[in-house]
Protein backbone atom coordinates (compact mmCIF):
# COMPACT_ATOMS: atom_id res chain seq x y z
CA MET A 1 -152.28 195.26 -54.80
CA GLU A 2 -149.59 196.53 -57.13
CA ILE A 3 -149.18 200.12 -58.04
CA ALA A 4 -149.34 200.91 -61.75
CA VAL A 5 -148.49 204.13 -63.47
CA ILE A 6 -149.94 204.98 -67.02
CA TRP A 7 -147.15 206.60 -69.18
CA ILE A 8 -148.26 208.51 -72.17
CA PRO A 9 -145.42 209.98 -74.32
CA ALA A 10 -145.78 213.81 -74.86
CA ASP A 11 -146.21 213.55 -78.54
CA ILE A 12 -149.31 211.28 -78.23
CA GLU A 13 -152.38 213.60 -79.04
CA PRO A 14 -155.02 213.26 -78.26
CA SER A 15 -154.20 211.33 -75.16
CA GLU A 16 -157.69 210.28 -74.08
CA PRO A 17 -157.90 207.12 -76.24
CA ALA A 18 -154.65 205.81 -74.91
CA VAL A 19 -155.55 206.61 -71.14
CA ALA A 20 -158.81 204.82 -71.66
CA VAL A 21 -157.04 201.73 -72.99
CA CYS A 22 -154.63 201.88 -70.11
CA LEU A 23 -157.25 202.29 -67.53
CA THR A 24 -159.12 199.27 -68.74
CA HIS A 25 -155.91 197.29 -68.46
CA LEU A 26 -155.51 198.43 -64.83
CA ARG A 27 -159.14 197.47 -63.88
CA ARG A 28 -158.63 193.92 -65.58
CA HIS A 29 -155.50 193.33 -63.49
CA ALA A 30 -156.66 194.93 -60.21
CA TYR A 31 -153.74 197.46 -60.27
CA ARG A 32 -153.90 200.55 -58.06
CA LEU A 33 -153.52 203.65 -60.16
CA GLY A 34 -150.46 205.63 -59.06
CA GLY A 35 -150.90 208.38 -61.62
CA ILE A 36 -150.89 209.26 -65.31
CA VAL A 37 -147.52 210.67 -66.41
CA ARG A 38 -146.77 212.75 -69.39
CA ALA A 39 -143.00 213.08 -68.57
CA PRO A 40 -139.78 212.08 -70.10
CA TRP A 41 -139.10 208.34 -70.00
CA GLU A 42 -136.41 208.77 -67.55
CA THR A 43 -138.89 210.17 -64.98
CA ILE A 44 -140.89 206.88 -65.15
CA GLU A 45 -137.78 204.81 -65.05
CA GLN A 46 -136.66 206.64 -61.90
CA THR A 47 -140.01 205.85 -60.24
CA MET A 48 -139.38 202.14 -60.89
CA ILE A 49 -135.79 202.22 -59.66
CA ASP A 50 -136.99 204.09 -56.43
CA GLY A 51 -139.60 201.36 -55.93
CA GLU A 52 -142.42 203.79 -56.12
CA VAL A 53 -144.18 201.83 -58.89
CA ASP A 54 -144.65 198.13 -59.58
CA VAL A 55 -145.92 198.41 -63.18
CA VAL A 56 -145.83 200.92 -65.91
CA VAL A 57 -148.67 200.59 -68.53
CA ILE A 58 -148.72 202.09 -71.96
CA ALA A 59 -151.31 202.06 -74.66
CA ASP A 60 -149.12 200.87 -77.59
CA LEU A 61 -145.99 198.90 -78.00
CA ALA A 62 -144.68 201.64 -80.27
CA HIS A 63 -144.51 204.10 -77.42
CA LEU A 64 -141.76 202.28 -75.63
CA PRO A 65 -138.29 203.69 -76.01
CA PRO A 66 -135.78 201.06 -77.22
CA ASP A 67 -133.73 201.31 -73.95
CA ARG A 68 -136.59 200.84 -71.53
CA SER A 69 -136.38 199.02 -68.30
CA PRO A 70 -138.12 195.70 -67.65
CA ARG A 71 -141.62 195.23 -66.43
CA ILE A 72 -143.61 197.30 -68.97
CA GLU A 73 -147.06 195.98 -69.98
CA VAL A 74 -149.03 196.88 -73.16
CA ALA A 75 -152.63 197.54 -72.53
CA THR A 76 -153.54 196.40 -75.96
CA ALA A 77 -152.06 193.03 -75.73
CA PRO A 78 -154.56 190.46 -74.43
CA ALA A 79 -153.94 188.61 -71.22
CA SER A 80 -152.32 185.15 -72.02
CA THR A 81 -154.93 182.39 -72.09
CA ALA A 82 -152.60 179.62 -72.99
CA ASP A 83 -153.48 177.61 -69.91
CA GLU A 84 -157.20 178.13 -70.53
CA ASN A 85 -156.94 176.88 -74.22
CA ARG A 86 -154.59 174.04 -73.66
CA ALA A 87 -156.43 170.78 -74.19
CA VAL A 88 -155.95 168.11 -71.47
CA PRO A 89 -155.91 164.62 -72.91
CA GLU A 90 -158.39 162.22 -71.13
CA ALA A 91 -156.71 159.58 -69.03
CA GLN A 92 -157.08 156.13 -70.60
CA PHE A 93 -157.57 153.17 -68.48
CA ASP A 94 -157.01 149.58 -69.74
């Protein structure tokens, strides 16, 4: 089970709606909650570099700083169902 940290920027108030969206995302993906962090981005970045965290989850894409590290997931983005929605043509036999 991957460890996920929820990051809520300090200027997001109230934070409860963002936390609720992120917790739903964690449950949907079966991530283990490593904590809810309201620290500067560099703090979260360092936890990823140190290997303490597998995934950082945020409530809104607008919360991300432009110079972020990879592997950030936005809780408001639905999981891809491209494979589920792809039609499979029936085999034709002559």
